[in-house]
Amino acid sequence: MTDTTVTRAHLAEAVYQEVGLSRNDSAQLVDVVLEEIGQALISGEMVKLSSFGSFQVRSKAERIGRNPKTGEEVPISPRRVLVFRASHVLKDKVNRTRKGGASGHGAA
C-alpha cells in the first residue's frame, strides 16, 4: 500500500491528459465538479456516481459515549456525518486488483 494522496492537482492533470482541455480549464472543471458535489451534500441530496459509489449525509442522534482512557461517560451531541458507499463495480475492481496483482486498468 502506498502513502500517496490523490489531490485536485492530480485530478486536473488526469483530465488534461485524457480529455485534452488546457491545464487551467482542467483545473476549473475539477473545481466545479467538486463544488457541485459539496453543495448537493450540504443541501441534503444524495450524490451517486455510476460505477464509483454514492455519498450521503446522515443525521446522528445524541448519544452517550465513553472516554476510553478514563471510562467516564460523556454525551456526544447530535451531528451530521458524510457516508460513502462504494458501488459493486468499484469493490470488484479493488478486490480483483488486490487478489490478482493486476493494475486495475481495463474493462470492468
N, C-alpha and C. Protein backbone atom coordinates (compact mmCIF):
# COMPACT_ATOMS: atom_id res chain seq x y z
N MET A 1 0.85 -1.18 0.00
CA MET A 1 0.00 0.00 0.00
C MET A 1 0.89 1.24 0.00
N THR A 2 0.50 2.24 -0.76
CA THR A 2 1.31 3.45 -0.87
C THR A 2 0.77 4.54 0.04
N ASP A 3 1.62 5.52 0.30
CA ASP A 3 1.23 6.65 1.13
C ASP A 3 0.90 7.89 0.32
N THR A 4 0.58 7.72 -0.96
CA THR A 4 0.26 8.88 -1.79
C THR A 4 -1.21 9.24 -1.64
N THR A 5 -1.49 10.51 -1.88
CA THR A 5 -2.84 11.02 -1.82
C THR A 5 -3.19 11.64 -3.16
N VAL A 6 -4.37 11.33 -3.67
CA VAL A 6 -4.83 11.94 -4.91
C VAL A 6 -5.36 13.33 -4.56
N THR A 7 -4.81 14.34 -5.21
CA THR A 7 -5.19 15.72 -4.93
C THR A 7 -5.97 16.30 -6.11
N ARG A 8 -6.47 17.53 -5.91
CA ARG A 8 -7.12 18.23 -7.02
C ARG A 8 -6.18 18.36 -8.20
N ALA A 9 -4.93 18.63 -7.91
CA ALA A 9 -3.94 18.77 -8.98
C ALA A 9 -3.79 17.46 -9.77
N HIS A 10 -3.79 16.31 -9.07
CA HIS A 10 -3.72 15.02 -9.75
C HIS A 10 -4.94 14.82 -10.65
N LEU A 11 -6.11 15.15 -10.14
CA LEU A 11 -7.33 15.00 -10.92
C LEU A 11 -7.32 15.92 -12.14
N ALA A 12 -6.89 17.16 -11.94
CA ALA A 12 -6.82 18.12 -13.05
C ALA A 12 -5.84 17.64 -14.11
N GLU A 13 -4.71 17.09 -13.68
CA GLU A 13 -3.72 16.57 -14.63
C GLU A 13 -4.29 15.40 -15.42
N ALA A 14 -5.05 14.54 -14.75
CA ALA A 14 -5.68 13.40 -15.44
C ALA A 14 -6.68 13.89 -16.48
N VAL A 15 -7.47 14.91 -16.14
CA VAL A 15 -8.41 15.48 -17.11
C VAL A 15 -7.64 16.07 -18.28
N TYR A 16 -6.58 16.79 -17.98
CA TYR A 16 -5.74 17.38 -19.03
C TYR A 16 -5.21 16.29 -19.97
N GLN A 17 -4.70 15.19 -19.42
CA GLN A 17 -4.12 14.11 -20.22
C GLN A 17 -5.18 13.35 -21.03
N GLU A 18 -6.32 13.07 -20.40
CA GLU A 18 -7.33 12.22 -21.03
C GLU A 18 -8.27 12.97 -21.96
N VAL A 19 -8.66 14.19 -21.57
CA VAL A 19 -9.69 14.92 -22.31
C VAL A 19 -9.06 15.91 -23.29
N GLY A 20 -7.93 16.45 -22.90
CA GLY A 20 -7.25 17.38 -23.79
C GLY A 20 -7.60 18.84 -23.57
N LEU A 21 -8.31 19.14 -22.49
CA LEU A 21 -8.54 20.54 -22.14
C LEU A 21 -7.22 21.16 -21.71
N SER A 22 -7.17 22.49 -21.69
CA SER A 22 -5.97 23.14 -21.18
C SER A 22 -5.83 22.83 -19.70
N ARG A 23 -4.65 23.04 -19.15
CA ARG A 23 -4.44 22.77 -17.72
C ARG A 23 -5.36 23.65 -16.87
N ASN A 24 -5.51 24.93 -17.24
CA ASN A 24 -6.40 25.82 -16.48
C ASN A 24 -7.85 25.35 -16.56
N ASP A 25 -8.31 25.00 -17.77
CA ASP A 25 -9.68 24.53 -17.93
C ASP A 25 -9.89 23.21 -17.18
N SER A 26 -8.90 22.36 -17.19
CA SER A 26 -9.00 21.08 -16.47
C SER A 26 -9.12 21.32 -14.97
N ALA A 27 -8.32 22.23 -14.43
CA ALA A 27 -8.38 22.55 -13.00
C ALA A 27 -9.74 23.16 -12.65
N GLN A 28 -10.24 24.04 -13.52
CA GLN A 28 -11.55 24.66 -13.27
C GLN A 28 -12.66 23.61 -13.30
N LEU A 29 -12.57 22.68 -14.25
CA LEU A 29 -13.58 21.62 -14.34
C LEU A 29 -13.61 20.79 -13.06
N VAL A 30 -12.44 20.40 -12.57
CA VAL A 30 -12.36 19.61 -11.33
C VAL A 30 -12.97 20.42 -10.18
N ASP A 31 -12.62 21.70 -10.08
CA ASP A 31 -13.16 22.54 -9.01
C ASP A 31 -14.67 22.65 -9.08
N VAL A 32 -15.21 22.82 -10.28
CA VAL A 32 -16.66 22.95 -10.45
C VAL A 32 -17.37 21.66 -10.06
N VAL A 33 -16.83 20.52 -10.48
CA VAL A 33 -17.45 19.24 -10.15
C VAL A 33 -17.44 19.01 -8.63
N LEU A 34 -16.30 19.25 -8.00
CA LEU A 34 -16.21 19.05 -6.55
C LEU A 34 -17.11 20.03 -5.79
N GLU A 35 -17.20 21.26 -6.26
CA GLU A 35 -18.08 22.25 -5.63
C GLU A 35 -19.54 21.82 -5.77
N GLU A 36 -19.92 21.33 -6.93
CA GLU A 36 -21.29 20.87 -7.15
C GLU A 36 -21.63 19.69 -6.24
N ILE A 37 -20.71 18.76 -6.10
CA ILE A 37 -20.92 17.62 -5.20
C ILE A 37 -21.08 18.12 -3.77
N GLY A 38 -20.21 19.02 -3.35
CA GLY A 38 -20.28 19.56 -1.99
C GLY A 38 -21.58 20.28 -1.72
N GLN A 39 -22.03 21.10 -2.66
CA GLN A 39 -23.28 21.85 -2.48
C GLN A 39 -24.48 20.91 -2.42
N ALA A 40 -24.48 19.87 -3.23
CA ALA A 40 -25.57 18.90 -3.19
C ALA A 40 -25.62 18.21 -1.83
N LEU A 41 -24.47 17.84 -1.30
CA LEU A 41 -24.44 17.18 0.01
C LEU A 41 -24.87 18.13 1.12
N ILE A 42 -24.43 19.39 1.04
CA ILE A 42 -24.83 20.37 2.05
C ILE A 42 -26.35 20.55 2.07
N SER A 43 -26.97 20.50 0.90
CA SER A 43 -28.42 20.69 0.83
C SER A 43 -29.19 19.40 1.13
N GLY A 44 -28.47 18.32 1.45
CA GLY A 44 -29.12 17.09 1.89
C GLY A 44 -29.40 16.09 0.77
N GLU A 45 -28.92 16.36 -0.44
CA GLU A 45 -29.12 15.44 -1.55
C GLU A 45 -28.11 14.30 -1.50
N MET A 46 -28.50 13.17 -2.07
CA MET A 46 -27.56 12.06 -2.24
C MET A 46 -26.85 12.27 -3.57
N VAL A 47 -25.55 11.97 -3.62
CA VAL A 47 -24.78 12.08 -4.85
C VAL A 47 -24.36 10.68 -5.26
N LYS A 48 -24.82 10.25 -6.47
CA LYS A 48 -24.47 8.94 -6.99
C LYS A 48 -23.59 9.11 -8.21
N LEU A 49 -22.44 8.45 -8.20
CA LEU A 49 -21.54 8.45 -9.34
C LEU A 49 -21.50 7.02 -9.86
N SER A 50 -22.07 6.81 -11.03
CA SER A 50 -22.20 5.49 -11.62
C SER A 50 -20.85 4.78 -11.66
N SER A 51 -20.84 3.53 -11.30
CA SER A 51 -19.65 2.67 -11.28
C SER A 51 -18.59 3.12 -10.28
N PHE A 52 -18.93 4.06 -9.41
CA PHE A 52 -17.99 4.52 -8.38
C PHE A 52 -18.60 4.35 -7.00
N GLY A 53 -19.71 5.04 -6.74
CA GLY A 53 -20.35 4.92 -5.44
C GLY A 53 -21.28 6.08 -5.17
N SER A 54 -21.78 6.15 -3.95
CA SER A 54 -22.70 7.23 -3.58
C SER A 54 -22.27 7.86 -2.26
N PHE A 55 -22.53 9.16 -2.19
CA PHE A 55 -22.26 9.95 -0.99
C PHE A 55 -23.60 10.39 -0.43
N GLN A 56 -23.71 10.37 0.89
CA GLN A 56 -24.95 10.77 1.53
C GLN A 56 -24.62 11.37 2.89
N VAL A 57 -25.41 12.37 3.29
CA VAL A 57 -25.28 12.94 4.63
C VAL A 57 -26.35 12.31 5.50
N ARG A 58 -25.94 11.78 6.64
CA ARG A 58 -26.89 11.17 7.58
C ARG A 58 -26.85 11.94 8.89
N SER A 59 -28.00 12.02 9.52
CA SER A 59 -28.09 12.67 10.83
C SER A 59 -27.95 11.62 11.92
N LYS A 60 -27.13 11.93 12.89
CA LYS A 60 -26.96 11.04 14.03
C LYS A 60 -27.52 11.71 15.27
N ALA A 61 -28.24 10.95 16.04
CA ALA A 61 -28.86 11.47 17.25
C ALA A 61 -27.83 11.60 18.37
N GLU A 62 -28.20 12.35 19.39
CA GLU A 62 -27.34 12.45 20.57
C GLU A 62 -27.26 11.08 21.24
N ARG A 63 -26.09 10.77 21.76
CA ARG A 63 -25.91 9.50 22.47
C ARG A 63 -24.86 9.67 23.55
N ILE A 64 -24.78 8.67 24.39
CA ILE A 64 -23.78 8.67 25.46
C ILE A 64 -22.59 7.83 24.99
N GLY A 65 -21.41 8.43 25.06
CA GLY A 65 -20.18 7.73 24.72
C GLY A 65 -19.34 7.54 25.97
N ARG A 66 -18.20 6.93 25.79
CA ARG A 66 -17.33 6.67 26.94
C ARG A 66 -15.90 7.05 26.58
N ASN A 67 -15.26 7.80 27.46
CA ASN A 67 -13.85 8.13 27.27
C ASN A 67 -13.05 6.85 27.49
N PRO A 68 -12.32 6.39 26.47
CA PRO A 68 -11.63 5.10 26.62
C PRO A 68 -10.53 5.12 27.67
N LYS A 69 -9.95 6.29 27.94
CA LYS A 69 -8.88 6.36 28.94
C LYS A 69 -9.43 6.29 30.36
N THR A 70 -10.47 7.08 30.62
CA THR A 70 -10.97 7.20 31.99
C THR A 70 -12.21 6.36 32.25
N GLY A 71 -12.92 5.96 31.18
CA GLY A 71 -14.16 5.23 31.36
C GLY A 71 -15.33 6.15 31.66
N GLU A 72 -15.07 7.45 31.73
CA GLU A 72 -16.12 8.43 32.06
C GLU A 72 -17.12 8.53 30.90
N GLU A 73 -18.41 8.56 31.26
CA GLU A 73 -19.45 8.72 30.25
C GLU A 73 -19.54 10.18 29.86
N VAL A 74 -19.63 10.43 28.55
CA VAL A 74 -19.76 11.79 28.05
C VAL A 74 -20.82 11.82 26.97
N PRO A 75 -21.62 12.90 26.94
CA PRO A 75 -22.63 13.00 25.88
C PRO A 75 -21.98 13.37 24.55
N ILE A 76 -22.42 12.72 23.49
CA ILE A 76 -21.97 13.05 22.14
C ILE A 76 -23.14 13.75 21.47
N SER A 77 -22.92 14.99 21.07
CA SER A 77 -24.01 15.80 20.54
C SER A 77 -24.48 15.31 19.17
N PRO A 78 -25.71 15.65 18.82
CA PRO A 78 -26.21 15.25 17.51
C PRO A 78 -25.39 15.92 16.41
N ARG A 79 -25.24 15.23 15.30
CA ARG A 79 -24.42 15.77 14.22
C ARG A 79 -24.81 15.13 12.90
N ARG A 80 -24.29 15.73 11.84
CA ARG A 80 -24.48 15.17 10.50
C ARG A 80 -23.14 14.60 10.07
N VAL A 81 -23.18 13.40 9.48
CA VAL A 81 -21.95 12.74 9.04
C VAL A 81 -22.07 12.40 7.56
N LEU A 82 -20.93 12.42 6.88
CA LEU A 82 -20.87 12.07 5.48
C LEU A 82 -20.55 10.59 5.35
N VAL A 83 -21.34 9.90 4.55
CA VAL A 83 -21.17 8.46 4.37
C VAL A 83 -20.92 8.19 2.90
N PHE A 84 -19.91 7.37 2.60
CA PHE A 84 -19.64 6.94 1.24
C PHE A 84 -19.88 5.45 1.15
N ARG A 85 -20.61 5.05 0.13
CA ARG A 85 -20.85 3.63 -0.10
C ARG A 85 -20.35 3.31 -1.51
N ALA A 86 -19.32 2.48 -1.59
CA ALA A 86 -18.73 2.13 -2.88
C ALA A 86 -19.69 1.25 -3.68
N SER A 87 -19.69 1.44 -5.00
CA SER A 87 -20.51 0.59 -5.86
C SER A 87 -19.89 -0.80 -5.95
N HIS A 88 -20.70 -1.76 -6.36
CA HIS A 88 -20.16 -3.12 -6.52
C HIS A 88 -19.10 -3.16 -7.62
N VAL A 89 -19.22 -2.29 -8.61
CA VAL A 89 -18.21 -2.24 -9.68
C VAL A 89 -16.86 -1.83 -9.11
N LEU A 90 -16.84 -0.77 -8.28
CA LEU A 90 -15.60 -0.31 -7.66
C LEU A 90 -15.05 -1.37 -6.70
N LYS A 91 -15.93 -1.97 -5.91
CA LYS A 91 -15.49 -3.02 -4.98
C LYS A 91 -14.84 -4.18 -5.74
N ASP A 92 -15.46 -4.57 -6.85
CA ASP A 92 -14.90 -5.66 -7.65
C ASP A 92 -13.53 -5.30 -8.20
N LYS A 93 -13.37 -4.06 -8.69
CA LYS A 93 -12.08 -3.63 -9.22
C LYS A 93 -11.02 -3.64 -8.13
N VAL A 94 -11.35 -3.16 -6.94
CA VAL A 94 -10.39 -3.13 -5.84
C VAL A 94 -10.00 -4.55 -5.44
N ASN A 95 -10.98 -5.42 -5.33
CA ASN A 95 -10.69 -6.80 -4.93
C ASN A 95 -9.94 -7.56 -6.00
N ARG A 96 -10.26 -7.35 -7.26
CA ARG A 96 -9.56 -8.01 -8.35
C ARG A 96 -8.10 -7.56 -8.39
N THR A 97 -7.85 -6.28 -8.14
CA THR A 97 -6.51 -5.74 -8.14
C THR A 97 -5.70 -6.33 -6.99
N ARG A 98 -6.28 -6.44 -5.82
CA ARG A 98 -5.54 -7.00 -4.66
C ARG A 98 -5.23 -8.47 -4.85
N LYS A 99 -6.22 -9.24 -5.31
CA LYS A 99 -6.04 -10.69 -5.41
C LYS A 99 -5.17 -11.09 -6.59
N GLY A 100 -5.44 -10.46 -7.75
CA GLY A 100 -4.76 -10.89 -8.96
C GLY A 100 -3.46 -10.18 -9.23
N GLY A 101 -3.20 -9.08 -8.51
CA GLY A 101 -1.99 -8.33 -8.75
C GLY A 101 -2.04 -7.49 -10.01
N ALA A 102 -3.23 -7.41 -10.62
CA ALA A 102 -3.39 -6.63 -11.85
C ALA A 102 -3.38 -5.14 -11.51
N SER A 103 -3.20 -4.34 -12.53
CA SER A 103 -3.12 -2.90 -12.32
C SER A 103 -4.47 -2.26 -12.07
N GLY A 104 -5.56 -2.96 -12.42
CA GLY A 104 -6.88 -2.39 -12.22
C GLY A 104 -7.35 -1.60 -13.41
N HIS A 105 -6.51 -1.47 -14.46
CA HIS A 105 -6.89 -0.75 -15.65
C HIS A 105 -7.53 -1.73 -16.61
N GLY A 106 -8.54 -1.27 -17.31
CA GLY A 106 -9.15 -2.14 -18.31
C GLY A 106 -10.63 -2.28 -18.06
N ALA A 107 -11.26 -3.17 -18.76
CA ALA A 107 -12.71 -3.35 -18.68
C ALA A 107 -13.11 -3.92 -17.34
N ALA A 108 -14.31 -3.52 -16.93
CA ALA A 108 -14.83 -3.99 -15.64
C ALA A 108 -15.66 -5.21 -15.79
